[in-house]
Amino acid sequence: MRNVLISGAGVTGLALAYWLDKAGLSTTLVEQQPEFRRGGQAVDIRGVALDVVKAMGLLEDARAIRTLLHGMSMLDANGVEMQRTKERTFSAGRLDSPDIEIFRDDLCELLMGGRRAGEPSQS
């Protein structure tokens, strides 16, 4: 069996480990940080990425922990509300879009599936 060492347990490293494990390869993830990194910006999952997340069996879990906007307001320099909408985001995206916005650390935890950095896969 081939063993693959993946450096970096971020979104890309975790997704790569998933697909290599699924292909029957043994993977080991290593990460420079001693603890799981919290924070980071939200990540949008849309288009073909929705199909990939579905193929990974993670679509419903991702939907369950997605960020949910309930509208947006535009304020002037004094903090006075100038405009409010409950239909669109600032970038003109629809609030009822099938796209998933998820925080980076939540996505990493979802991709990790309980696996720890440095721990070999079970393939």
PDB file of N, CA and C in Angstrom:
ATOM      1  N   MET A   1       0.838  -1.177   0.000  1.00  0.00           N
ATOM      2  CA  MET A   1       0.000   0.000   0.000  1.00  0.00           C
ATOM      3  C   MET A   1       0.885   1.243   0.000  1.00  0.00           C
ATOM      4  N   ARG A   2       0.504   2.210  -0.772  1.00  0.00           N
ATOM      5  CA  ARG A   2       1.251   3.465  -0.810  1.00  0.00           C
ATOM      6  C   ARG A   2       0.836   4.359   0.332  1.00  0.00           C
ATOM      7  N   ASN A   3       1.831   5.037   0.893  1.00  0.00           N
ATOM      8  CA  ASN A   3       1.589   5.985   1.976  1.00  0.00           C
ATOM      9  C   ASN A   3       1.859   7.386   1.455  1.00  0.00           C
ATOM     10  N   VAL A   4       0.950   8.314   1.762  1.00  0.00           N
ATOM     11  CA  VAL A   4       1.086   9.694   1.311  1.00  0.00           C
ATOM     12  C   VAL A   4       1.134  10.595   2.534  1.00  0.00           C
ATOM     13  N   LEU A   5       2.156  11.439   2.590  1.00  0.00           N
ATOM     14  CA  LEU A   5       2.291  12.423   3.655  1.00  0.00           C
ATOM     15  C   LEU A   5       1.735  13.742   3.136  1.00  0.00           C
ATOM     16  N   ILE A   6       0.779  14.312   3.858  1.00  0.00           N
ATOM     17  CA  ILE A   6       0.167  15.583   3.475  1.00  0.00           C
ATOM     18  C   ILE A   6       0.563  16.624   4.502  1.00  0.00           C
ATOM     19  N   SER A   7       1.216  17.669   4.037  1.00  0.00           N
ATOM     20  CA  SER A   7       1.654  18.750   4.918  1.00  0.00           C
ATOM     21  C   SER A   7       0.605  19.856   4.911  1.00  0.00           C
ATOM     22  N   GLY A   8      -0.050  20.037   6.044  1.00  0.00           N
ATOM     23  CA  GLY A   8      -1.057  21.084   6.178  1.00  0.00           C
ATOM     24  C   GLY A   8      -2.445  20.506   6.351  1.00  0.00           C
ATOM     25  N   ALA A   9      -3.020  20.733   7.527  1.00  0.00           N
ATOM     26  CA  ALA A   9      -4.351  20.207   7.830  1.00  0.00           C
ATOM     27  C   ALA A   9      -5.411  21.301   7.719  1.00  0.00           C
ATOM     28  N   GLY A  10      -5.284  22.124   6.665  1.00  0.00           N
ATOM     29  CA  GLY A  10      -6.313  23.113   6.360  1.00  0.00           C
ATOM     30  C   GLY A  10      -7.345  22.493   5.431  1.00  0.00           C
ATOM     31  N   VAL A  11      -8.164  23.323   4.830  1.00  0.00           N
ATOM     32  CA  VAL A  11      -9.232  22.839   3.952  1.00  0.00           C
ATOM     33  C   VAL A  11      -8.670  21.955   2.839  1.00  0.00           C
ATOM     34  N   THR A  12      -7.632  22.406   2.160  1.00  0.00           N
ATOM     35  CA  THR A  12      -7.081  21.654   1.028  1.00  0.00           C
ATOM     36  C   THR A  12      -6.470  20.328   1.459  1.00  0.00           C
ATOM     37  N   GLY A  13      -5.657  20.339   2.506  1.00  0.00           N
ATOM     38  CA  GLY A  13      -5.034  19.110   2.978  1.00  0.00           C
ATOM     39  C   GLY A  13      -6.053  18.084   3.440  1.00  0.00           C
ATOM     40  N   LEU A  14      -7.073  18.545   4.148  1.00  0.00           N
ATOM     41  CA  LEU A  14      -8.111  17.635   4.636  1.00  0.00           C
ATOM     42  C   LEU A  14      -8.938  17.057   3.491  1.00  0.00           C
ATOM     43  N   ALA A  15      -9.271  17.893   2.505  1.00  0.00           N
ATOM     44  CA  ALA A  15     -10.026  17.397   1.351  1.00  0.00           C
ATOM     45  C   ALA A  15      -9.184  16.400   0.548  1.00  0.00           C
ATOM     46  N   LEU A  16      -7.902  16.699   0.370  1.00  0.00           N
ATOM     47  CA  LEU A  16      -7.008  15.777  -0.332  1.00  0.00           C
ATOM     48  C   LEU A  16      -6.928  14.442   0.404  1.00  0.00           C
ATOM     49  N   ALA A  17      -6.785  14.490   1.715  1.00  0.00           N
ATOM     50  CA  ALA A  17      -6.726  13.257   2.512  1.00  0.00           C
ATOM     51  C   ALA A  17      -7.994  12.434   2.333  1.00  0.00           C
ATOM     52  N   TYR A  18      -9.137  13.091   2.309  1.00  0.00           N
ATOM     53  CA  TYR A  18     -10.412  12.382   2.119  1.00  0.00           C
ATOM     54  C   TYR A  18     -10.390  11.584   0.811  1.00  0.00           C
ATOM     55  N   TRP A  19     -10.046  12.271  -0.293  1.00  0.00           N
ATOM     56  CA  TRP A  19     -10.111  11.614  -1.598  1.00  0.00           C
ATOM     57  C   TRP A  19      -9.027  10.552  -1.766  1.00  0.00           C
ATOM     58  N   LEU A  20      -7.846  10.774  -1.218  1.00  0.00           N
ATOM     59  CA  LEU A  20      -6.802   9.747  -1.296  1.00  0.00           C
ATOM     60  C   LEU A  20      -7.177   8.528  -0.462  1.00  0.00           C
ATOM     61  N   ASP A  21      -7.747   8.761   0.723  1.00  0.00           N
ATOM     62  CA  ASP A  21      -8.227   7.648   1.547  1.00  0.00           C
ATOM     63  C   ASP A  21      -9.282   6.849   0.789  1.00  0.00           C
ATOM     64  N   LYS A  22     -10.196   7.559   0.150  1.00  0.00           N
ATOM     65  CA  LYS A  22     -11.272   6.909  -0.604  1.00  0.00           C
ATOM     66  C   LYS A  22     -10.706   6.081  -1.763  1.00  0.00           C
ATOM     67  N   ALA A  23      -9.576   6.530  -2.329  1.00  0.00           N
ATOM     68  CA  ALA A  23      -8.923   5.805  -3.423  1.00  0.00           C
ATOM     69  C   ALA A  23      -8.095   4.625  -2.915  1.00  0.00           C
ATOM     70  N   GLY A  24      -8.080   4.421  -1.590  1.00  0.00           N
ATOM     71  CA  GLY A  24      -7.377   3.275  -1.026  1.00  0.00           C
ATOM     72  C   GLY A  24      -5.942   3.529  -0.618  1.00  0.00           C
ATOM     73  N   LEU A  25      -5.521   4.786  -0.619  1.00  0.00           N
ATOM     74  CA  LEU A  25      -4.164   5.109  -0.192  1.00  0.00           C
ATOM     75  C   LEU A  25      -4.158   5.428   1.298  1.00  0.00           C
ATOM     76  N   SER A  26      -3.059   5.140   1.940  1.00  0.00           N
ATOM     77  CA  SER A  26      -2.887   5.487   3.346  1.00  0.00           C
ATOM     78  C   SER A  26      -2.319   6.900   3.409  1.00  0.00           C
ATOM     79  N   THR A  27      -2.937   7.756   4.198  1.00  0.00           N
ATOM     80  CA  THR A  27      -2.465   9.138   4.300  1.00  0.00           C
ATOM     81  C   THR A  27      -2.143   9.492   5.746  1.00  0.00           C
ATOM     82  N   THR A  28      -1.163  10.359   5.896  1.00  0.00           N
ATOM     83  CA  THR A  28      -0.844  10.939   7.196  1.00  0.00           C
ATOM     84  C   THR A  28      -0.802  12.449   7.018  1.00  0.00           C
ATOM     85  N   LEU A  29      -1.590  13.145   7.816  1.00  0.00           N
ATOM     86  CA  LEU A  29      -1.616  14.607   7.812  1.00  0.00           C
ATOM     87  C   LEU A  29      -0.678  15.125   8.882  1.00  0.00           C
ATOM     88  N   VAL A  30       0.153  16.089   8.537  1.00  0.00           N
ATOM     89  CA  VAL A  30       0.973  16.765   9.541  1.00  0.00           C
ATOM     90  C   VAL A  30       0.643  18.249   9.478  1.00  0.00           C
ATOM     91  N   GLU A  31       0.707  18.886  10.632  1.00  0.00           N
ATOM     92  CA  GLU A  31       0.347  20.294  10.744  1.00  0.00           C
ATOM     93  C   GLU A  31       1.346  20.985  11.645  1.00  0.00           C
ATOM     94  N   GLN A  32       1.797  22.151  11.235  1.00  0.00           N
ATOM     95  CA  GLN A  32       2.773  22.917  12.006  1.00  0.00           C
ATOM     96  C   GLN A  32       2.187  23.390  13.333  1.00  0.00           C
ATOM     97  N   GLN A  33       0.937  23.780  13.334  1.00  0.00           N
ATOM     98  CA  GLN A  33       0.311  24.292  14.554  1.00  0.00           C
ATOM     99  C   GLN A  33       0.044  23.142  15.526  1.00  0.00           C
ATOM    100  N   PRO A  34       0.341  23.324  16.818  1.00  0.00           N
ATOM    101  CA  PRO A  34       0.130  22.252  17.787  1.00  0.00           C
ATOM    102  C   PRO A  34      -1.349  22.001  18.092  1.00  0.00           C
ATOM    103  N   GLU A  35      -2.184  22.985  17.873  1.00  0.00           N
ATOM    104  CA  GLU A  35      -3.617  22.859  18.133  1.00  0.00           C
ATOM    105  C   GLU A  35      -4.384  23.217  16.869  1.00  0.00           C
ATOM    106  N   PHE A  36      -5.604  22.747  16.801  1.00  0.00           N
ATOM    107  CA  PHE A  36      -6.480  23.088  15.690  1.00  0.00           C
ATOM    108  C   PHE A  36      -6.683  24.597  15.662  1.00  0.00           C
ATOM    109  N   ARG A  37      -6.464  25.210  14.513  1.00  0.00           N
ATOM    110  CA  ARG A  37      -6.562  26.663  14.397  1.00  0.00           C
ATOM    111  C   ARG A  37      -8.019  27.107  14.304  1.00  0.00           C
ATOM    112  N   ARG A  38      -8.395  27.947  15.221  1.00  0.00           N
ATOM    113  CA  ARG A  38      -9.745  28.507  15.231  1.00  0.00           C
ATOM    114  C   ARG A  38      -9.767  29.808  14.446  1.00  0.00           C
ATOM    115  N   GLY A  39     -10.932  30.167  13.966  1.00  0.00           N
ATOM    116  CA  GLY A  39     -11.100  31.448  13.298  1.00  0.00           C
ATOM    117  C   GLY A  39     -10.920  31.338  11.802  1.00  0.00           C
ATOM    118  N   GLY A  40     -10.732  32.466  11.194  1.00  0.00           N
ATOM    119  CA  GLY A  40     -10.641  32.536   9.744  1.00  0.00           C
ATOM    120  C   GLY A  40     -11.953  33.027   9.169  1.00  0.00           C
ATOM    121  N   GLN A  41     -11.927  33.333   7.923  1.00  0.00           N
ATOM    122  CA  GLN A  41     -13.106  33.867   7.255  1.00  0.00           C
ATOM    123  C   GLN A  41     -14.066  32.755   6.871  1.00  0.00           C
ATOM    124  N   ALA A  42     -15.243  33.172   6.498  1.00  0.00           N
ATOM    125  CA  ALA A  42     -16.225  32.221   5.992  1.00  0.00           C
ATOM    126  C   ALA A  42     -15.826  31.793   4.580  1.00  0.00           C
ATOM    127  N   VAL A  43     -16.198  30.587   4.215  1.00  0.00           N
ATOM    128  CA  VAL A  43     -15.914  30.010   2.911  1.00  0.00           C
ATOM    129  C   VAL A  43     -17.250  29.767   2.224  1.00  0.00           C
ATOM    130  N   ASP A  44     -17.353  30.133   0.961  1.00  0.00           N
ATOM    131  CA  ASP A  44     -18.572  29.874   0.194  1.00  0.00           C
ATOM    132  C   ASP A  44     -18.429  28.567  -0.563  1.00  0.00           C
ATOM    133  N   ILE A  45     -19.419  27.711  -0.420  1.00  0.00           N
ATOM    134  CA  ILE A  45     -19.479  26.457  -1.170  1.00  0.00           C
ATOM    135  C   ILE A  45     -20.605  26.635  -2.176  1.00  0.00           C
ATOM    136  N   ARG A  46     -20.239  26.682  -3.461  1.00  0.00           N
ATOM    137  CA  ARG A  46     -21.246  26.921  -4.495  1.00  0.00           C
ATOM    138  C   ARG A  46     -20.854  26.216  -5.782  1.00  0.00           C
ATOM    139  N   GLY A  47     -21.788  26.114  -6.682  1.00  0.00           N
ATOM    140  CA  GLY A  47     -21.516  25.502  -7.985  1.00  0.00           C
ATOM    141  C   GLY A  47     -21.061  24.064  -7.845  1.00  0.00           C
ATOM    142  N   VAL A  48     -19.993  23.711  -8.564  1.00  0.00           N
ATOM    143  CA  VAL A  48     -19.488  22.335  -8.554  1.00  0.00           C
ATOM    144  C   VAL A  48     -19.018  21.924  -7.158  1.00  0.00           C
ATOM    145  N   ALA A  49     -18.611  22.888  -6.330  1.00  0.00           N
ATOM    146  CA  ALA A  49     -18.181  22.559  -4.963  1.00  0.00           C
ATOM    147  C   ALA A  49     -19.327  21.945  -4.165  1.00  0.00           C
ATOM    148  N   LEU A  50     -20.570  22.345  -4.447  1.00  0.00           N
ATOM    149  CA  LEU A  50     -21.722  21.712  -3.790  1.00  0.00           C
ATOM    150  C   LEU A  50     -21.792  20.232  -4.164  1.00  0.00           C
ATOM    151  N   ASP A  51     -21.519  19.922  -5.437  1.00  0.00           N
ATOM    152  CA  ASP A  51     -21.517  18.523  -5.879  1.00  0.00           C
ATOM    153  C   ASP A  51     -20.413  17.726  -5.193  1.00  0.00           C
ATOM    154  N   VAL A  52     -19.248  18.342  -5.017  1.00  0.00           N
ATOM    155  CA  VAL A  52     -18.125  17.668  -4.357  1.00  0.00           C
ATOM    156  C   VAL A  52     -18.464  17.378  -2.900  1.00  0.00           C
ATOM    157  N   VAL A  53     -19.001  18.366  -2.199  1.00  0.00           N
ATOM    158  CA  VAL A  53     -19.367  18.181  -0.790  1.00  0.00           C
ATOM    159  C   VAL A  53     -20.451  17.109  -0.669  1.00  0.00           C
ATOM    160  N   LYS A  54     -21.373  17.079  -1.614  1.00  0.00           N
ATOM    161  CA  LYS A  54     -22.414  16.041  -1.618  1.00  0.00           C
ATOM    162  C   LYS A  54     -21.788  14.665  -1.826  1.00  0.00           C
ATOM    163  N   ALA A  55     -20.845  14.558  -2.773  1.00  0.00           N
ATOM    164  CA  ALA A  55     -20.171  13.279  -3.035  1.00  0.00           C
ATOM    165  C   ALA A  55     -19.381  12.802  -1.821  1.00  0.00           C
ATOM    166  N   MET A  56     -18.937  13.737  -0.995  1.00  0.00           N
ATOM    167  CA  MET A  56     -18.204  13.393   0.227  1.00  0.00           C
ATOM    168  C   MET A  56     -19.152  12.976   1.352  1.00  0.00           C
ATOM    169  N   GLY A  57     -20.457  13.110   1.114  1.00  0.00           N
ATOM    170  CA  GLY A  57     -21.439  12.767   2.141  1.00  0.00           C
ATOM    171  C   GLY A  57     -21.547  13.813   3.239  1.00  0.00           C
ATOM    172  N   LEU A  58     -21.140  15.045   2.940  1.00  0.00           N
ATOM    173  CA  LEU A  58     -21.092  16.095   3.961  1.00  0.00           C
ATOM    174  C   LEU A  58     -22.086  17.227   3.718  1.00  0.00           C
ATOM    175  N   LEU A  59     -22.904  17.117   2.676  1.00  0.00           N
ATOM    176  CA  LEU A  59     -23.774  18.233   2.303  1.00  0.00           C
ATOM    177  C   LEU A  59     -24.758  18.602   3.409  1.00  0.00           C
ATOM    178  N   GLU A  60     -25.444  17.634   3.950  1.00  0.00           N
ATOM    179  CA  GLU A  60     -26.442  17.942   4.988  1.00  0.00           C
ATOM    180  C   GLU A  60     -25.783  18.467   6.259  1.00  0.00           C
ATOM    181  N   ASP A  61     -24.626  17.909   6.614  1.00  0.00           N
ATOM    182  CA  ASP A  61     -23.901  18.417   7.788  1.00  0.00           C
ATOM    183  C   ASP A  61     -23.451  19.855   7.561  1.00  0.00           C
ATOM    184  N   ALA A  62     -22.976  20.151   6.354  1.00  0.00           N
ATOM    185  CA  ALA A  62     -22.547  21.519   6.035  1.00  0.00           C
ATOM    186  C   ALA A  62     -23.730  22.476   6.100  1.00  0.00           C
ATOM    187  N   ARG A  63     -24.870  22.042   5.588  1.00  0.00           N
ATOM    188  CA  ARG A  63     -26.070  22.896   5.657  1.00  0.00           C
ATOM    189  C   ARG A  63     -26.484  23.148   7.104  1.00  0.00           C
ATOM    190  N   ALA A  64     -26.317  22.153   7.939  1.00  0.00           N
ATOM    191  CA  ALA A  64     -26.745  22.282   9.341  1.00  0.00           C
ATOM    192  C   ALA A  64     -25.901  23.292  10.113  1.00  0.00           C
ATOM    193  N   ILE A  65     -24.643  23.492   9.714  1.00  0.00           N
ATOM    194  CA  ILE A  65     -23.775  24.408  10.469  1.00  0.00           C
ATOM    195  C   ILE A  65     -23.408  25.658   9.672  1.00  0.00           C
ATOM    196  N   ARG A  66     -24.099  25.887   8.572  1.00  0.00           N
ATOM    197  CA  ARG A  66     -23.824  27.060   7.740  1.00  0.00           C
ATOM    198  C   ARG A  66     -24.155  28.343   8.482  1.00  0.00           C
ATOM    199  N   THR A  67     -23.566  29.435   8.003  1.00  0.00           N
ATOM    200  CA  THR A  67     -23.945  30.741   8.532  1.00  0.00           C
ATOM    201  C   THR A  67     -25.257  31.117   7.863  1.00  0.00           C
ATOM    202  N   LEU A  68     -26.098  31.790   8.562  1.00  0.00           N
ATOM    203  CA  LEU A  68     -27.375  32.203   7.981  1.00  0.00           C
ATOM    204  C   LEU A  68     -27.539  33.704   8.125  1.00  0.00           C
ATOM    205  N   LEU A  69     -27.617  34.379   6.997  1.00  0.00           N
ATOM    206  CA  LEU A  69     -27.903  35.805   7.014  1.00  0.00           C
ATOM    207  C   LEU A  69     -29.415  35.990   7.038  1.00  0.00           C
ATOM    208  N   HIS A  70     -29.848  36.937   7.814  1.00  0.00           N
ATOM    209  CA  HIS A  70     -31.279  37.240   7.882  1.00  0.00           C
ATOM    210  C   HIS A  70     -31.577  38.580   7.239  1.00  0.00           C
ATOM    211  N   GLY A  71     -30.611  39.130   6.548  1.00  0.00           N
ATOM    212  CA  GLY A  71     -30.755  40.416   5.895  1.00  0.00           C
ATOM    213  C   GLY A  71     -29.477  41.205   6.053  1.00  0.00           C
ATOM    214  N   MET A  72     -29.506  42.437   5.565  1.00  0.00           N
ATOM    215  CA  MET A  72     -28.344  43.297   5.714  1.00  0.00           C
ATOM    216  C   MET A  72     -28.791  44.738   5.782  1.00  0.00           C
ATOM    217  N   SER A  73     -27.959  45.530   6.406  1.00  0.00           N
ATOM    218  CA  SER A  73     -28.201  46.967   6.510  1.00  0.00           C
ATOM    219  C   SER A  73     -26.962  47.703   6.041  1.00  0.00           C
ATOM    220  N   MET A  74     -27.178  48.850   5.416  1.00  0.00           N
ATOM    221  CA  MET A  74     -26.075  49.741   5.052  1.00  0.00           C
ATOM    222  C   MET A  74     -26.180  50.959   5.957  1.00  0.00           C
ATOM    223  N   LEU A  75     -25.056  51.301   6.603  1.00  0.00           N
ATOM    224  CA  LEU A  75     -25.021  52.420   7.535  1.00  0.00           C
ATOM    225  C   LEU A  75     -24.161  53.534   6.964  1.00  0.00           C
ATOM    226  N   ASP A  76     -24.485  54.767   7.348  1.00  0.00           N
ATOM    227  CA  ASP A  76     -23.622  55.877   6.943  1.00  0.00           C
ATOM    228  C   ASP A  76     -22.469  56.001   7.937  1.00  0.00           C
ATOM    229  N   ALA A  77     -21.613  56.987   7.747  1.00  0.00           N
ATOM    230  CA  ALA A  77     -20.424  57.162   8.588  1.00  0.00           C
ATOM    231  C   ALA A  77     -20.764  57.375  10.052  1.00  0.00           C
ATOM    232  N   ASN A  78     -21.987  57.803  10.335  1.00  0.00           N
ATOM    233  CA  ASN A  78     -22.424  58.033  11.718  1.00  0.00           C
ATOM    234  C   ASN A  78     -23.147  56.834  12.310  1.00  0.00           C
ATOM    235  N   GLY A  79     -23.230  55.746  11.548  1.00  0.00           N
ATOM    236  CA  GLY A  79     -23.900  54.550  12.043  1.00  0.00           C
ATOM    237  C   GLY A  79     -25.404  54.574  11.876  1.00  0.00           C
ATOM    238  N   VAL A  80     -25.911  55.533  11.108  1.00  0.00           N
ATOM    239  CA  VAL A  80     -27.352  55.624  10.865  1.00  0.00           C
ATOM    240  C   VAL A  80     -27.707  54.726   9.678  1.00  0.00           C
ATOM    241  N   GLU A  81     -28.719  53.892   9.877  1.00  0.00           N
ATOM    242  CA  GLU A  81     -29.126  52.972   8.818  1.00  0.00           C
ATOM    243  C   GLU A  81     -29.673  53.744   7.618  1.00  0.00           C
ATOM    244  N   MET A  82     -29.094  53.473   6.458  1.00  0.00           N
ATOM    245  CA  MET A  82     -29.528  54.121   5.217  1.00  0.00           C
ATOM    246  C   MET A  82     -30.428  53.206   4.401  1.00  0.00           C
ATOM    247  N   GLN A  83     -30.179  51.907   4.470  1.00  0.00           N
ATOM    248  CA  GLN A  83     -30.928  50.949   3.666  1.00  0.00           C
ATOM    249  C   GLN A  83     -30.940  49.604   4.379  1.00  0.00           C
ATOM    250  N   ARG A  84     -32.023  48.868   4.229  1.00  0.00           N
ATOM    251  CA  ARG A  84     -32.140  47.528   4.805  1.00  0.00           C
ATOM    252  C   ARG A  84     -32.819  46.627   3.777  1.00  0.00           C
ATOM    253  N   THR A  85     -32.329  45.390   3.684  1.00  0.00           N
ATOM    254  CA  THR A  85     -32.970  44.412   2.816  1.00  0.00           C
ATOM    255  C   THR A  85     -32.966  43.057   3.517  1.00  0.00           C
ATOM    256  N   LYS A  86     -33.998  42.294   3.265  1.00  0.00           N
ATOM    257  CA  LYS A  86     -34.068  40.926   3.781  1.00  0.00           C
ATOM    258  C   LYS A  86     -34.068  39.926   2.633  1.00  0.00           C
ATOM    259  N   GLU A  87     -33.670  40.401   1.440  1.00  0.00           N
ATOM    260  CA  GLU A  87     -33.688  39.553   0.251  1.00  0.00           C
ATOM    261  C   GLU A  87     -32.319  39.310  -0.357  1.00  0.00           C
ATOM    262  N   ARG A  88     -31.395  40.262  -0.222  1.00  0.00           N
ATOM    263  CA  ARG A  88     -30.101  40.160  -0.899  1.00  0.00           C
ATOM    264  C   ARG A  88     -28.963  40.494   0.044  1.00  0.00           C
ATOM    265  N   THR A  89     -27.777  39.989  -0.304  1.00  0.00           N
ATOM    266  CA  THR A  89     -26.566  40.336   0.428  1.00  0.00           C
ATOM    267  C   THR A  89     -25.925  41.545  -0.240  1.00  0.00           C
ATOM    268  N   PHE A  90     -24.887  42.070   0.359  1.00  0.00           N
ATOM    269  CA  PHE A  90     -24.185  43.226  -0.192  1.00  0.00           C
ATOM    270  C   PHE A  90     -23.656  42.943  -1.593  1.00  0.00           C
ATOM    271  N   SER A  91     -23.237  41.714  -1.845  1.00  0.00           N
ATOM    272  CA  SER A  91     -22.700  41.347  -3.158  1.00  0.00           C
ATOM    273  C   SER A  91     -23.803  40.974  -4.147  1.00  0.00           C
ATOM    274  N   ALA A  92     -25.055  41.242  -3.782  1.00  0.00           N
ATOM    275  CA  ALA A  92     -26.238  40.998  -4.615  1.00  0.00           C
ATOM    276  C   ALA A  92     -26.628  39.528  -4.673  1.00  0.00           C
ATOM    277  N   GLY A  93     -26.029  38.684  -3.841  1.00  0.00           N
ATOM    278  CA  GLY A  93     -26.441  37.290  -3.772  1.00  0.00           C
ATOM    279  C   GLY A  93     -27.780  37.166  -3.057  1.00  0.00           C
ATOM    280  N   ARG A  94     -28.561  36.189  -3.449  1.00  0.00           N
ATOM    281  CA  ARG A  94     -29.870  35.994  -2.823  1.00  0.00           C
ATOM    282  C   ARG A  94     -29.708  35.261  -1.498  1.00  0.00           C
ATOM    283  N   LEU A  95     -30.488  35.667  -0.507  1.00  0.00           N
ATOM    284  CA  LEU A  95     -30.427  35.014   0.802  1.00  0.00           C
ATOM    285  C   LEU A  95     -30.978  33.592   0.750  1.00  0.00           C
ATOM    286  N   ASP A  96     -31.840  33.294  -0.228  1.00  0.00           N
ATOM    287  CA  ASP A  96     -32.405  31.946  -0.349  1.00  0.00           C
ATOM    288  C   ASP A  96     -31.614  31.079  -1.341  1.00  0.00           C
ATOM    289  N   SER A  97     -30.374  31.437  -1.596  1.00  0.00           N
ATOM    290  CA  SER A  97     -29.509  30.707  -2.518  1.00  0.00           C
ATOM    291  C   SER A  97     -29.193  29.310  -1.974  1.00  0.00           C
ATOM    292  N   PRO A  98     -28.983  28.318  -2.856  1.00  0.00           N
ATOM    293  CA  PRO A  98     -28.566  26.988  -2.392  1.00  0.00           C
ATOM    294  C   PRO A  98     -27.107  26.961  -1.930  1.00  0.00           C
ATOM    295  N   ASP A  99     -26.361  28.033  -2.208  1.00  0.00           N
ATOM    296  CA  ASP A  99     -24.962  28.101  -1.787  1.00  0.00           C
ATOM    297  C   ASP A  99     -24.867  27.992  -0.270  1.00  0.00           C
ATOM    298  N   ILE A 100     -23.734  27.500   0.193  1.00  0.00           N
ATOM    299  CA  ILE A 100     -23.498  27.348   1.629  1.00  0.00           C
ATOM    300  C   ILE A 100     -22.324  28.229   2.014  1.00  0.00           C
ATOM    301  N   GLU A 101     -22.539  29.101   2.978  1.00  0.00           N
ATOM    302  CA  GLU A 101     -21.440  29.861   3.558  1.00  0.00           C
ATOM    303  C   GLU A 101     -21.170  29.243   4.923  1.00  0.00           C
ATOM    304  N   ILE A 102     -19.921  28.858   5.143  1.00  0.00           N
ATOM    305  CA  ILE A 102     -19.559  28.145   6.366  1.00  0.00           C
ATOM    306  C   ILE A 102     -18.231  28.712   6.868  1.00  0.00           C
ATOM    307  N   PHE A 103     -18.084  28.827   8.168  1.00  0.00           N
ATOM    308  CA  PHE A 103     -16.823  29.330   8.707  1.00  0.00           C
ATOM    309  C   PHE A 103     -15.712  28.319   8.452  1.00  0.00           C
ATOM    310  N   ARG A 104     -14.518  28.820   8.164  1.00  0.00           N
ATOM    311  CA  ARG A 104     -13.371  27.981   7.823  1.00  0.00           C
ATOM    312  C   ARG A 104     -13.113  26.901   8.864  1.00  0.00           C
ATOM    313  N   ASP A 105     -13.136  27.265  10.151  1.00  0.00           N
ATOM    314  CA  ASP A 105     -12.844  26.257  11.170  1.00  0.00           C
ATOM    315  C   ASP A 105     -13.941  25.196  11.238  1.00  0.00           C
ATOM    316  N   ASP A 106     -15.195  25.581  11.005  1.00  0.00           N
ATOM    317  CA  ASP A 106     -16.279  24.593  10.974  1.00  0.00           C
ATOM    318  C   ASP A 106     -16.102  23.640   9.794  1.00  0.00           C
ATOM    319  N   LEU A 107     -15.702  24.176   8.643  1.00  0.00           N
ATOM    320  CA  LEU A 107     -15.467  23.331   7.470  1.00  0.00           C
ATOM    321  C   LEU A 107     -14.316  22.361   7.725  1.00  0.00           C
ATOM    322  N   CYS A 108     -13.244  22.841   8.335  1.00  0.00           N
ATOM    323  CA  CYS A 108     -12.107  21.959   8.646  1.00  0.00           C
ATOM    324  C   CYS A 108     -12.518  20.846   9.603  1.00  0.00           C
ATOM    325  N   GLU A 109     -13.284  21.181  10.627  1.00  0.00           N
ATOM    326  CA  GLU A 109     -13.751  20.144  11.561  1.00  0.00           C
ATOM    327  C   GLU A 109     -14.614  19.124  10.841  1.00  0.00           C
ATOM    328  N   LEU A 110     -15.465  19.588   9.946  1.00  0.00           N
ATOM    329  CA  LEU A 110     -16.319  18.692   9.180  1.00  0.00           C
ATOM    330  C   LEU A 110     -15.474  17.768   8.300  1.00  0.00           C
ATOM    331  N   LEU A 111     -14.485  18.325   7.626  1.00  0.00           N
ATOM    332  CA  LEU A 111     -13.601  17.523   6.774  1.00  0.00           C
ATOM    333  C   LEU A 111     -12.731  16.566   7.586  1.00  0.00           C
ATOM    334  N   MET A 112     -12.369  16.983   8.787  1.00  0.00           N
ATOM    335  CA  MET A 112     -11.506  16.165   9.635  1.00  0.00           C
ATOM    336  C   MET A 112     -12.236  14.913  10.111  1.00  0.00           C
ATOM    337  N   GLY A 113     -13.506  15.026  10.369  1.00  0.00           N
ATOM    338  CA  GLY A 113     -14.293  13.871  10.775  1.00  0.00           C
ATOM    339  C   GLY A 113     -13.730  13.129  11.964  1.00  0.00           C
ATOM    340  N   GLY A 114     -13.172  13.844  12.931  1.00  0.00           N
ATOM    341  CA  GLY A 114     -12.633  13.216  14.127  1.00  0.00           C
ATOM    342  C   GLY A 114     -11.181  12.795  14.006  1.00  0.00           C
ATOM    343  N   ARG A 115     -10.601  12.924  12.831  1.00  0.00           N
ATOM    344  CA  ARG A 115      -9.202  12.536  12.617  1.00  0.00           C
ATOM    345  C   ARG A 115      -8.276  13.584  13.223  1.00  0.00           C
ATOM    346  N   ARG A 116      -7.137  13.179  13.734  1.00  0.00           N
ATOM    347  CA  ARG A 116      -6.150  14.089  14.326  1.00  0.00           C
ATOM    348  C   ARG A 116      -4.937  14.194  13.411  1.00  0.00           C
ATOM    349  N   ALA A 117      -4.324  15.373  13.357  1.00  0.00           N
ATOM    350  CA  ALA A 117      -3.109  15.558  12.554  1.00  0.00           C
ATOM    351  C   ALA A 117      -2.027  14.596  13.032  1.00  0.00           C
ATOM    352  N   GLY A 118      -1.290  14.009  12.101  1.00  0.00           N
ATOM    353  CA  GLY A 118      -0.225  13.068  12.427  1.00  0.00           C
ATOM    354  C   GLY A 118      -0.707  11.645  12.613  1.00  0.00           C
ATOM    355  N   GLU A 119      -1.994  11.439  12.575  1.00  0.00           N
ATOM    356  CA  GLU A 119      -2.580  10.115  12.777  1.00  0.00           C
ATOM    357  C   GLU A 119      -2.816   9.463  11.411  1.00  0.00           C
ATOM    358  N   PRO A 120      -2.274   8.276  11.166  1.00  0.00           N
ATOM    359  CA  PRO A 120      -2.478   7.629   9.866  1.00  0.00           C
ATOM    360  C   PRO A 120      -3.946   7.292   9.634  1.00  0.00           C
ATOM    361  N   SER A 121      -4.331   7.271   8.361  1.00  0.00           N
ATOM    362  CA  SER A 121      -5.698   6.869   8.036  1.00  0.00           C
ATOM    363  C   SER A 121      -5.835   5.365   8.243  1.00  0.00           C
ATOM    364  N   GLN A 122      -7.065   4.906   8.212  1.00  0.00           N
ATOM    365  CA  GLN A 122      -7.333   3.487   8.439  1.00  0.00           C
ATOM    366  C   GLN A 122      -7.387   2.687   7.141  1.00  0.00           C
ATOM    367  N   SER A 123      -7.104   3.328   6.002  1.00  0.00           N
ATOM    368  CA  SER A 123      -7.162   2.628   4.702  1.00  0.00           C
ATOM    369  C   SER A 123      -6.130   1.535   4.621  1.00  0.00           C
TER     370      SER A 123
END
